[in-house]
Structures are given as C-alpha cells and as structure tokens.
Amino acid sequence: IRDIIDFATHGEFSAWASIVPSQGSYRQLTMQNLIHSPAL
C-alpha cells in the first residue's frame, strides 16, 4: 500500500519520507511489538 500511495502521489510521498530519518533499525522497531513476550 505504501508503494501504491507513492505512485498515486507521483513520487512525492517517498521523496518526502525518504529524507526523514527513522527512529531506529528494523530490529529496534519490531522490538516494540514483540518485547511484551521477552522469551519469544
């Protein structure tokens, strides 16, 4: 859906989002959804 929105906005969506740094890495972001189960 992200890519569909980008094409429908003629690339403006990715151009805007790509220059903004993320909070962290894939690992750090997914940790937020998994850390409630520490062993898993």
PDB file of all heavy atoms in Angstrom:
ATOM      1  N   ILE A   1       0.841  -1.206   0.000  1.00  0.00           N
ATOM      2  CA  ILE A   1       0.000   0.000   0.000  1.00  0.00           C
ATOM      3  C   ILE A   1       0.873   1.252   0.000  1.00  0.00           C
ATOM      4  O   ILE A   1       0.555   2.242  -0.682  1.00  0.00           O
ATOM      5  CB  ILE A   1      -0.935  -0.023   1.218  1.00  0.00           C
ATOM      6  CG1 ILE A   1      -1.917  -1.192   1.091  1.00  0.00           C
ATOM      7  CG2 ILE A   1      -1.684   1.294   1.351  1.00  0.00           C
ATOM      8  CD1 ILE A   1      -2.798  -1.399   2.298  1.00  0.00           C
ATOM      9  N   ARG A   2       1.971   1.222   0.736  1.00  0.00           N
ATOM     10  CA  ARG A   2       2.905   2.356   0.738  1.00  0.00           C
ATOM     11  C   ARG A   2       3.349   2.693  -0.680  1.00  0.00           C
ATOM     12  O   ARG A   2       3.342   3.866  -1.092  1.00  0.00           O
ATOM     13  CB  ARG A   2       4.125   1.987   1.578  1.00  0.00           C
ATOM     14  CG  ARG A   2       5.251   3.004   1.558  1.00  0.00           C
ATOM     15  CD  ARG A   2       6.561   2.387   2.019  1.00  0.00           C
ATOM     16  NE  ARG A   2       7.051   1.375   1.077  1.00  0.00           N
ATOM     17  CZ  ARG A   2       8.141   0.642   1.270  1.00  0.00           C
ATOM     18  NH1 ARG A   2       8.849   0.785   2.390  1.00  0.00           N
ATOM     19  NH2 ARG A   2       8.533  -0.239   0.371  1.00  0.00           N
ATOM     20  N   ASP A   3       3.711   1.667  -1.463  1.00  0.00           N
ATOM     21  CA  ASP A   3       4.191   1.897  -2.825  1.00  0.00           C
ATOM     22  C   ASP A   3       3.065   2.381  -3.742  1.00  0.00           C
ATOM     23  O   ASP A   3       3.293   3.200  -4.642  1.00  0.00           O
ATOM     24  CB  ASP A   3       4.818   0.625  -3.382  1.00  0.00           C
ATOM     25  CG  ASP A   3       6.057   0.204  -2.605  1.00  0.00           C
ATOM     26  OD1 ASP A   3       6.658   1.063  -1.948  1.00  0.00           O
ATOM     27  OD2 ASP A   3       6.405  -0.990  -2.643  1.00  0.00           O
ATOM     28  N   ILE A   4       1.847   1.873  -3.531  1.00  0.00           N
ATOM     29  CA  ILE A   4       0.704   2.331  -4.307  1.00  0.00           C
ATOM     30  C   ILE A   4       0.456   3.814  -4.054  1.00  0.00           C
ATOM     31  O   ILE A   4       0.243   4.600  -4.991  1.00  0.00           O
ATOM     32  CB  ILE A   4      -0.549   1.505  -3.949  1.00  0.00           C
ATOM     33  CG1 ILE A   4      -0.435   0.090  -4.527  1.00  0.00           C
ATOM     34  CG2 ILE A   4      -1.823   2.180  -4.456  1.00  0.00           C
ATOM     35  CD1 ILE A   4      -1.524  -0.856  -4.061  1.00  0.00           C
ATOM     36  N   ILE A   5       0.500   4.217  -2.793  1.00  0.00           N
ATOM     37  CA  ILE A   5       0.297   5.625  -2.443  1.00  0.00           C
ATOM     38  C   ILE A   5       1.383   6.489  -3.067  1.00  0.00           C
ATOM     39  O   ILE A   5       1.121   7.599  -3.572  1.00  0.00           O
ATOM     40  CB  ILE A   5       0.279   5.795  -0.910  1.00  0.00           C
ATOM     41  CG1 ILE A   5      -0.977   5.140  -0.328  1.00  0.00           C
ATOM     42  CG2 ILE A   5       0.330   7.270  -0.520  1.00  0.00           C
ATOM     43  CD1 ILE A   5      -1.015   5.110   1.189  1.00  0.00           C
ATOM     44  N   ASP A   6       2.604   5.982  -3.080  1.00  0.00           N
ATOM     45  CA  ASP A   6       3.716   6.746  -3.653  1.00  0.00           C
ATOM     46  C   ASP A   6       3.499   7.000  -5.144  1.00  0.00           C
ATOM     47  O   ASP A   6       3.692   8.125  -5.624  1.00  0.00           O
ATOM     48  CB  ASP A   6       5.024   6.008  -3.416  1.00  0.00           C
ATOM     49  CG  ASP A   6       6.217   6.797  -3.909  1.00  0.00           C
ATOM     50  OD1 ASP A   6       6.291   8.000  -3.605  1.00  0.00           O
ATOM     51  OD2 ASP A   6       7.070   6.214  -4.612  1.00  0.00           O
ATOM     52  N   PHE A   7       3.099   5.959  -5.878  1.00  0.00           N
ATOM     53  CA  PHE A   7       2.853   6.140  -7.308  1.00  0.00           C
ATOM     54  C   PHE A   7       1.675   7.069  -7.548  1.00  0.00           C
ATOM     55  O   PHE A   7       1.704   7.891  -8.480  1.00  0.00           O
ATOM     56  CB  PHE A   7       2.606   4.783  -7.977  1.00  0.00           C
ATOM     57  CG  PHE A   7       3.871   4.073  -8.367  1.00  0.00           C
ATOM     58  CD1 PHE A   7       4.492   3.195  -7.482  1.00  0.00           C
ATOM     59  CD2 PHE A   7       4.450   4.274  -9.614  1.00  0.00           C
ATOM     60  CE1 PHE A   7       5.664   2.539  -7.833  1.00  0.00           C
ATOM     61  CE2 PHE A   7       5.621   3.619  -9.979  1.00  0.00           C
ATOM     62  CZ  PHE A   7       6.240   2.749  -9.085  1.00  0.00           C
ATOM     63  N   ALA A   8       0.635   6.967  -6.722  1.00  0.00           N
ATOM     64  CA  ALA A   8      -0.545   7.818  -6.895  1.00  0.00           C
ATOM     65  C   ALA A   8      -0.253   9.280  -6.576  1.00  0.00           C
ATOM     66  O   ALA A   8      -0.961  10.175  -7.048  1.00  0.00           O
ATOM     67  CB  ALA A   8      -1.692   7.312  -6.027  1.00  0.00           C
ATOM     68  N   THR A   9       0.785   9.523  -5.775  1.00  0.00           N
ATOM     69  CA  THR A   9       1.191  10.905  -5.476  1.00  0.00           C
ATOM     70  C   THR A   9       2.363  11.334  -6.354  1.00  0.00           C
ATOM     71  O   THR A   9       3.021  12.335  -6.063  1.00  0.00           O
ATOM     72  CB  THR A   9       1.577  11.050  -3.992  1.00  0.00           C
ATOM     73  OG1 THR A   9       2.665  10.149  -3.707  1.00  0.00           O
ATOM     74  CG2 THR A   9       0.403  10.734  -3.072  1.00  0.00           C
ATOM     75  N   HIS A  10       2.629  10.554  -7.409  1.00  0.00           N
ATOM     76  CA  HIS A  10       3.688  10.865  -8.379  1.00  0.00           C
ATOM     77  C   HIS A  10       5.061  10.959  -7.722  1.00  0.00           C
ATOM     78  O   HIS A  10       5.897  11.782  -8.108  1.00  0.00           O
ATOM     79  CB  HIS A  10       3.367  12.167  -9.127  1.00  0.00           C
ATOM     80  CG  HIS A  10       1.962  12.251  -9.639  1.00  0.00           C
ATOM     81  ND1 HIS A  10       1.425  11.305 -10.478  1.00  0.00           N
ATOM     82  CD2 HIS A  10       0.973  13.150  -9.396  1.00  0.00           C
ATOM     83  CE1 HIS A  10       0.174  11.619 -10.753  1.00  0.00           C
ATOM     84  NE2 HIS A  10      -0.139  12.719 -10.100  1.00  0.00           N
ATOM     85  N   GLY A  11       5.284  10.117  -6.717  1.00  0.00           N
ATOM     86  CA  GLY A  11       6.590  10.050  -6.076  1.00  0.00           C
ATOM     87  C   GLY A  11       6.802  11.050  -4.958  1.00  0.00           C
ATOM     88  O   GLY A  11       7.849  11.018  -4.290  1.00  0.00           O
ATOM     89  N   GLU A  12       5.843  11.921  -4.723  1.00  0.00           N
ATOM     90  CA  GLU A  12       6.019  12.931  -3.672  1.00  0.00           C
ATOM     91  C   GLU A  12       6.092  12.292  -2.283  1.00  0.00           C
ATOM     92  O   GLU A  12       6.812  12.763  -1.401  1.00  0.00           O
ATOM     93  CB  GLU A  12       4.882  13.953  -3.709  1.00  0.00           C
ATOM     94  CG  GLU A  12       4.956  14.955  -4.844  1.00  0.00           C
ATOM     95  CD  GLU A  12       3.980  16.109  -4.659  1.00  0.00           C
ATOM     96  OE1 GLU A  12       3.900  16.640  -3.531  1.00  0.00           O
ATOM     97  OE2 GLU A  12       3.287  16.454  -5.628  1.00  0.00           O
ATOM     98  N   PHE A  13       5.331  11.210  -2.104  1.00  0.00           N
ATOM     99  CA  PHE A  13       5.270  10.570  -0.786  1.00  0.00           C
ATOM    100  C   PHE A  13       6.641  10.010  -0.398  1.00  0.00           C
ATOM    101  O   PHE A  13       7.126  10.246   0.713  1.00  0.00           O
ATOM    102  CB  PHE A  13       4.213   9.465  -0.807  1.00  0.00           C
ATOM    103  CG  PHE A  13       3.926   8.844   0.521  1.00  0.00           C
ATOM    104  CD1 PHE A  13       3.522   9.617   1.598  1.00  0.00           C
ATOM    105  CD2 PHE A  13       4.053   7.468   0.703  1.00  0.00           C
ATOM    106  CE1 PHE A  13       3.247   9.040   2.832  1.00  0.00           C
ATOM    107  CE2 PHE A  13       3.782   6.885   1.932  1.00  0.00           C
ATOM    108  CZ  PHE A  13       3.372   7.669   3.000  1.00  0.00           C
ATOM    109  N   SER A  14       7.274   9.275  -1.303  1.00  0.00           N
ATOM    110  CA  SER A  14       8.593   8.704  -0.985  1.00  0.00           C
ATOM    111  C   SER A  14       9.661   9.791  -0.895  1.00  0.00           C
ATOM    112  O   SER A  14      10.573   9.702  -0.059  1.00  0.00           O
ATOM    113  CB  SER A  14       8.992   7.655  -2.026  1.00  0.00           C
ATOM    114  OG  SER A  14       9.115   8.243  -3.307  1.00  0.00           O
ATOM    115  N   ALA A  15       9.569  10.805  -1.749  1.00  0.00           N
ATOM    116  CA  ALA A  15      10.554  11.889  -1.711  1.00  0.00           C
ATOM    117  C   ALA A  15      10.517  12.596  -0.356  1.00  0.00           C
ATOM    118  O   ALA A  15      11.557  12.974   0.188  1.00  0.00           O
ATOM    119  CB  ALA A  15      10.276  12.874  -2.843  1.00  0.00           C
ATOM    120  N   TRP A  16       9.314  12.757   0.178  1.00  0.00           N
ATOM    121  CA  TRP A  16       9.157  13.397   1.485  1.00  0.00           C
ATOM    122  C   TRP A  16       9.651  12.505   2.615  1.00  0.00           C
ATOM    123  O   TRP A  16      10.407  12.934   3.491  1.00  0.00           O
ATOM    124  CB  TRP A  16       7.676  13.742   1.697  1.00  0.00           C
ATOM    125  CG  TRP A  16       7.307  14.067   3.100  1.00  0.00           C
ATOM    126  CD1 TRP A  16       7.549  15.220   3.781  1.00  0.00           C
ATOM    127  CD2 TRP A  16       6.626  13.193   4.028  1.00  0.00           C
ATOM    128  NE1 TRP A  16       7.062  15.143   5.066  1.00  0.00           N
ATOM    129  CE2 TRP A  16       6.489  13.912   5.241  1.00  0.00           C
ATOM    130  CE3 TRP A  16       6.108  11.903   3.937  1.00  0.00           C
ATOM    131  CZ2 TRP A  16       5.856  13.360   6.364  1.00  0.00           C
ATOM    132  CZ3 TRP A  16       5.491  11.354   5.048  1.00  0.00           C
ATOM    133  CH2 TRP A  16       5.367  12.069   6.235  1.00  0.00           C
ATOM    134  N   ALA A  17       9.232  11.226   2.592  1.00  0.00           N
ATOM    135  CA  ALA A  17       9.552  10.322   3.696  1.00  0.00           C
ATOM    136  C   ALA A  17      11.004   9.866   3.692  1.00  0.00           C
ATOM    137  O   ALA A  17      11.571   9.593   4.753  1.00  0.00           O
ATOM    138  CB  ALA A  17       8.626   9.107   3.662  1.00  0.00           C
ATOM    139  N   SER A  18      11.632   9.795   2.524  1.00  0.00           N
ATOM    140  CA  SER A  18      12.982   9.241   2.423  1.00  0.00           C
ATOM    141  C   SER A  18      14.045  10.153   3.017  1.00  0.00           C
ATOM    142  O   SER A  18      15.140   9.685   3.367  1.00  0.00           O
ATOM    143  CB  SER A  18      13.325   8.947   0.960  1.00  0.00           C
ATOM    144  OG  SER A  18      12.487   7.937   0.449  1.00  0.00           O
ATOM    145  N   ILE A  19      13.753  11.440   3.137  1.00  0.00           N
ATOM    146  CA  ILE A  19      14.754  12.355   3.684  1.00  0.00           C
ATOM    147  C   ILE A  19      14.590  12.546   5.192  1.00  0.00           C
ATOM    148  O   ILE A  19      15.367  13.261   5.822  1.00  0.00           O
ATOM    149  CB  ILE A  19      14.690  13.727   2.984  1.00  0.00           C
ATOM    150  CG1 ILE A  19      13.323  14.387   3.195  1.00  0.00           C
ATOM    151  CG2 ILE A  19      15.006  13.601   1.506  1.00  0.00           C
ATOM    152  CD1 ILE A  19      13.242  15.812   2.659  1.00  0.00           C
ATOM    153  N   VAL A  20      13.591  11.880   5.765  1.00  0.00           N
ATOM    154  CA  VAL A  20      13.365  11.969   7.209  1.00  0.00           C
ATOM    155  C   VAL A  20      13.949  10.722   7.873  1.00  0.00           C
ATOM    156  O   VAL A  20      13.561   9.608   7.536  1.00  0.00           O
ATOM    157  CB  VAL A  20      11.857  12.064   7.534  1.00  0.00           C
ATOM    158  CG1 VAL A  20      11.647  12.159   9.045  1.00  0.00           C
ATOM    159  CG2 VAL A  20      11.231  13.253   6.828  1.00  0.00           C
ATOM    160  N   PRO A  21      14.901  10.879   8.802  1.00  0.00           N
ATOM    161  CA  PRO A  21      15.487   9.696   9.444  1.00  0.00           C
ATOM    162  C   PRO A  21      14.468   8.975  10.325  1.00  0.00           C
ATOM    163  O   PRO A  21      13.598   9.593  10.936  1.00  0.00           O
ATOM    164  CB  PRO A  21      16.634  10.276  10.279  1.00  0.00           C
ATOM    165  CG  PRO A  21      16.258  11.700  10.507  1.00  0.00           C
ATOM    166  CD  PRO A  21      15.503  12.132   9.291  1.00  0.00           C
ATOM    167  N   SER A  22      14.590   7.666  10.376  1.00  0.00           N
ATOM    168  CA  SER A  22      13.711   6.864  11.226  1.00  0.00           C
ATOM    169  C   SER A  22      14.208   6.897  12.664  1.00  0.00           C
ATOM    170  O   SER A  22      15.320   7.350  12.956  1.00  0.00           O
ATOM    171  CB  SER A  22      13.679   5.417  10.720  1.00  0.00           C
ATOM    172  OG  SER A  22      13.065   4.563  11.647  1.00  0.00           O
ATOM    173  N   GLN A  23      13.382   6.379  13.567  1.00  0.00           N
ATOM    174  CA  GLN A  23      13.792   6.278  14.970  1.00  0.00           C
ATOM    175  C   GLN A  23      14.913   5.266  15.152  1.00  0.00           C
ATOM    176  O   GLN A  23      15.740   5.411  16.051  1.00  0.00           O
ATOM    177  CB  GLN A  23      12.597   5.856  15.830  1.00  0.00           C
ATOM    178  CG  GLN A  23      11.592   6.956  16.096  1.00  0.00           C
ATOM    179  CD  GLN A  23      10.498   6.467  17.040  1.00  0.00           C
ATOM    180  OE1 GLN A  23       9.809   5.502  16.749  1.00  0.00           O
ATOM    181  NE2 GLN A  23      10.339   7.134  18.156  1.00  0.00           N
ATOM    182  N   GLY A  24      14.927   4.235  14.324  1.00  0.00           N
ATOM    183  CA  GLY A  24      15.930   3.200  14.537  1.00  0.00           C
ATOM    184  C   GLY A  24      16.004   2.231  13.383  1.00  0.00           C
ATOM    185  O   GLY A  24      15.682   2.551  12.238  1.00  0.00           O
ATOM    186  N   SER A  25      16.403   1.009  13.683  1.00  0.00           N
ATOM    187  CA  SER A  25      16.580  -0.052  12.687  1.00  0.00           C
ATOM    188  C   SER A  25      15.335  -0.928  12.631  1.00  0.00           C
ATOM    189  O   SER A  25      14.404  -0.783  13.431  1.00  0.00           O
ATOM    190  CB  SER A  25      17.794  -0.903  13.057  1.00  0.00           C
ATOM    191  OG  SER A  25      17.563  -1.560  14.303  1.00  0.00           O
ATOM    192  N   TYR A  26      15.333  -1.874  11.686  1.00  0.00           N
ATOM    193  CA  TYR A  26      14.235  -2.845  11.638  1.00  0.00           C
ATOM    194  C   TYR A  26      14.123  -3.588  12.969  1.00  0.00           C
ATOM    195  O   TYR A  26      13.025  -3.812  13.476  1.00  0.00           O
ATOM    196  CB  TYR A  26      14.484  -3.867  10.514  1.00  0.00           C
ATOM    197  CG  TYR A  26      14.250  -3.346   9.121  1.00  0.00           C
ATOM    198  CD1 TYR A  26      15.289  -3.316   8.184  1.00  0.00           C
ATOM    199  CD2 TYR A  26      12.991  -2.915   8.722  1.00  0.00           C
ATOM    200  CE1 TYR A  26      15.070  -2.855   6.894  1.00  0.00           C
ATOM    201  CE2 TYR A  26      12.770  -2.448   7.433  1.00  0.00           C
ATOM    202  CZ  TYR A  26      13.809  -2.424   6.519  1.00  0.00           C
ATOM    203  OH  TYR A  26      13.593  -1.957   5.243  1.00  0.00           O
ATOM    204  N   ARG A  27      15.263  -3.965  13.528  1.00  0.00           N
ATOM    205  CA  ARG A  27      15.257  -4.715  14.779  1.00  0.00           C
ATOM    206  C   ARG A  27      14.635  -3.890  15.911  1.00  0.00           C
ATOM    207  O   ARG A  27      13.804  -4.377  16.684  1.00  0.00           O
ATOM    208  CB  ARG A  27      16.685  -5.124  15.163  1.00  0.00           C
ATOM    209  CG  ARG A  27      16.729  -6.115  16.331  1.00  0.00           C
ATOM    210  CD  ARG A  27      18.174  -6.317  16.831  1.00  0.00           C
ATOM    211  NE  ARG A  27      19.083  -6.751  15.792  1.00  0.00           N
ATOM    212  CZ  ARG A  27      19.287  -8.022  15.454  1.00  0.00           C
ATOM    213  NH1 ARG A  27      18.621  -8.987  16.056  1.00  0.00           N
ATOM    214  NH2 ARG A  27      20.174  -8.329  14.512  1.00  0.00           N
ATOM    215  N   GLN A  28      15.043  -2.642  16.015  1.00  0.00           N
ATOM    216  CA  GLN A  28      14.545  -1.799  17.095  1.00  0.00           C
ATOM    217  C   GLN A  28      13.049  -1.510  16.962  1.00  0.00           C
ATOM    218  O   GLN A  28      12.330  -1.455  17.960  1.00  0.00           O
ATOM    219  CB  GLN A  28      15.339  -0.491  17.124  1.00  0.00           C
ATOM    220  CG  GLN A  28      16.786  -0.676  17.545  1.00  0.00           C
ATOM    221  CD  GLN A  28      17.617   0.577  17.341  1.00  0.00           C
ATOM    222  OE1 GLN A  28      17.493   1.268  16.316  1.00  0.00           O
ATOM    223  NE2 GLN A  28      18.472   0.882  18.306  1.00  0.00           N
ATOM    224  N   LEU A  29      12.595  -1.337  15.722  1.00  0.00           N
ATOM    225  CA  LEU A  29      11.180  -1.042  15.518  1.00  0.00           C
ATOM    226  C   LEU A  29      10.297  -2.253  15.805  1.00  0.00           C
ATOM    227  O   LEU A  29       9.233  -2.123  16.414  1.00  0.00           O
ATOM    228  CB  LEU A  29      10.953  -0.546  14.087  1.00  0.00           C
ATOM    229  CG  LEU A  29      11.539   0.827  13.753  1.00  0.00           C
ATOM    230  CD1 LEU A  29      11.399   1.127  12.270  1.00  0.00           C
ATOM    231  CD2 LEU A  29      10.869   1.923  14.577  1.00  0.00           C
ATOM    232  N   THR A  30      10.740  -3.427  15.360  1.00  0.00           N
ATOM    233  CA  THR A  30       9.925  -4.621  15.613  1.00  0.00           C
ATOM    234  C   THR A  30       9.961  -5.016  17.083  1.00  0.00           C
ATOM    235  O   THR A  30       9.030  -5.658  17.576  1.00  0.00           O
ATOM    236  CB  THR A  30      10.402  -5.813  14.757  1.00  0.00           C
ATOM    237  OG1 THR A  30      11.797  -6.034  14.989  1.00  0.00           O
ATOM    238  CG2 THR A  30      10.188  -5.537  13.283  1.00  0.00           C
ATOM    239  N   MET A  31      11.013  -4.643  17.784  1.00  0.00           N
ATOM    240  CA  MET A  31      11.099  -4.949  19.206  1.00  0.00           C
ATOM    241  C   MET A  31       9.889  -4.397  19.959  1.00  0.00           C
ATOM    242  O   MET A  31       9.382  -5.021  20.889  1.00  0.00           O
ATOM    243  CB  MET A  31      12.384  -4.360  19.798  1.00  0.00           C
ATOM    244  CG  MET A  31      12.584  -4.691  21.281  1.00  0.00           C
ATOM    245  SD  MET A  31      13.932  -3.748  22.056  1.00  0.00           S
ATOM    246  CE  MET A  31      15.326  -4.199  21.043  1.00  0.00           C
ATOM    247  N   GLN A  32       9.409  -3.222  19.545  1.00  0.00           N
ATOM    248  CA  GLN A  32       8.299  -2.591  20.243  1.00  0.00           C
ATOM    249  C   GLN A  32       7.046  -3.466  20.227  1.00  0.00           C
ATOM    250  O   GLN A  32       6.229  -3.405  21.135  1.00  0.00           O
ATOM    251  CB  GLN A  32       7.986  -1.226  19.617  1.00  0.00           C
ATOM    252  CG  GLN A  32       9.160  -0.257  19.591  1.00  0.00           C
ATOM    253  CD  GLN A  32       9.684   0.044  20.981  1.00  0.00           C
ATOM    254  OE1 GLN A  32      10.677  -0.523  21.416  1.00  0.00           O
ATOM    255  NE2 GLN A  32       9.008   0.921  21.692  1.00  0.00           N
ATOM    256  N   ASN A  33       6.883  -4.261  19.165  1.00  0.00           N
ATOM    257  CA  ASN A  33       5.696  -5.116  19.046  1.00  0.00           C
ATOM    258  C   ASN A  33       5.901  -6.503  19.633  1.00  0.00           C
ATOM    259  O   ASN A  33       4.948  -7.274  19.730  1.00  0.00           O
ATOM    260  CB  ASN A  33       5.290  -5.259  17.574  1.00  0.00           C
ATOM    261  CG  ASN A  33       4.803  -3.956  16.976  1.00  0.00           C
ATOM    262  OD1 ASN A  33       5.597  -3.066  16.676  1.00  0.00           O
ATOM    263  ND2 ASN A  33       3.497  -3.830  16.804  1.00  0.00           N
ATOM    264  N   LEU A  34       7.147  -6.837  20.005  1.00  0.00           N
ATOM    265  CA  LEU A  34       7.445  -8.185  20.478  1.00  0.00           C
ATOM    266  C   LEU A  34       7.903  -8.247  21.932  1.00  0.00           C
ATOM    267  O   LEU A  34       7.840  -9.306  22.552  1.00  0.00           O
ATOM    268  CB  LEU A  34       8.539  -8.812  19.601  1.00  0.00           C
ATOM    269  CG  LEU A  34       8.172  -9.165  18.165  1.00  0.00           C
ATOM    270  CD1 LEU A  34       9.422  -9.558  17.388  1.00  0.00           C
ATOM    271  CD2 LEU A  34       7.160 -10.298  18.126  1.00  0.00           C
ATOM    272  N   ILE A  35       8.360  -7.129  22.479  1.00  0.00           N
ATOM    273  CA  ILE A  35       9.027  -7.156  23.775  1.00  0.00           C
ATOM    274  C   ILE A  35       8.081  -7.547  24.900  1.00  0.00           C
ATOM    275  O   ILE A  35       8.534  -7.950  25.985  1.00  0.00           O
ATOM    276  CB  ILE A  35       9.684  -5.783  24.069  1.00  0.00           C
ATOM    277  CG1 ILE A  35      10.722  -5.911  25.189  1.00  0.00           C
ATOM    278  CG2 ILE A  35       8.621  -4.735  24.388  1.00  0.00           C
ATOM    279  CD1 ILE A  35      11.857  -6.843  24.886  1.00  0.00           C
ATOM    280  N   HIS A  36       6.766  -7.491  24.686  1.00  0.00           N
ATOM    281  CA  HIS A  36       5.839  -7.937  25.729  1.00  0.00           C
ATOM    282  C   HIS A  36       5.951  -9.444  25.947  1.00  0.00           C
ATOM    283  O   HIS A  36       5.460  -9.965  26.947  1.00  0.00           O
ATOM    284  CB  HIS A  36       4.398  -7.574  25.350  1.00  0.00           C
ATOM    285  CG  HIS A  36       3.875  -8.291  24.148  1.00  0.00           C
ATOM    286  ND1 HIS A  36       4.178  -7.899  22.864  1.00  0.00           N
ATOM    287  CD2 HIS A  36       3.089  -9.383  24.025  1.00  0.00           C
ATOM    288  CE1 HIS A  36       3.589  -8.723  22.008  1.00  0.00           C
ATOM    289  NE2 HIS A  36       2.933  -9.630  22.687  1.00  0.00           N
ATOM    290  N   SER A  37       6.590 -10.160  24.994  1.00  0.00           N
ATOM    291  CA  SER A  37       6.882 -11.581  25.142  1.00  0.00           C
ATOM    292  C   SER A  37       8.402 -11.736  25.104  1.00  0.00           C
ATOM    293  O   SER A  37       8.978 -12.058  24.059  1.00  0.00           O
ATOM    294  CB  SER A  37       6.223 -12.384  24.016  1.00  0.00           C
ATOM    295  OG  SER A  37       6.503 -13.752  24.133  1.00  0.00           O
ATOM    296  N   PRO A  38       9.091 -11.504  26.221  1.00  0.00           N
ATOM    297  CA  PRO A  38      10.558 -11.417  26.222  1.00  0.00           C
ATOM    298  C   PRO A  38      11.264 -12.662  25.695  1.00  0.00           C
ATOM    299  O   PRO A  38      12.278 -12.534  24.997  1.00  0.00           O
ATOM    300  CB  PRO A  38      10.894 -11.193  27.707  1.00  0.00           C
ATOM    301  CG  PRO A  38       9.641 -10.648  28.308  1.00  0.00           C
ATOM    302  CD  PRO A  38       8.515 -11.287  27.562  1.00  0.00           C
ATOM    303  N   ALA A  39      10.733 -13.851  26.012  1.00  0.00           N
ATOM    304  CA  ALA A  39      11.403 -15.079  25.564  1.00  0.00           C
ATOM    305  C   ALA A  39      11.296 -15.242  24.051  1.00  0.00           C
ATOM    306  O   ALA A  39      12.279 -15.554  23.372  1.00  0.00           O
ATOM    307  CB  ALA A  39      10.799 -16.285  26.276  1.00  0.00           C
ATOM    308  N   LEU A  40      10.096 -15.033  23.508  1.00  0.00           N
ATOM    309  CA  LEU A  40       9.898 -15.149  22.066  1.00  0.00           C
ATOM    310  C   LEU A  40      10.713 -14.100  21.330  1.00  0.00           C
ATOM    311  O   LEU A  40      11.345 -14.391  20.306  1.00  0.00           O
ATOM    312  CB  LEU A  40       8.418 -15.016  21.715  1.00  0.00           C
ATOM    313  CG  LEU A  40       8.085 -15.061  20.224  1.00  0.00           C
ATOM    314  CD1 LEU A  40       8.492 -16.397  19.623  1.00  0.00           C
ATOM    315  CD2 LEU A  40       6.598 -14.797  19.988  1.00  0.00           C
TER     316      LEU A  40
END
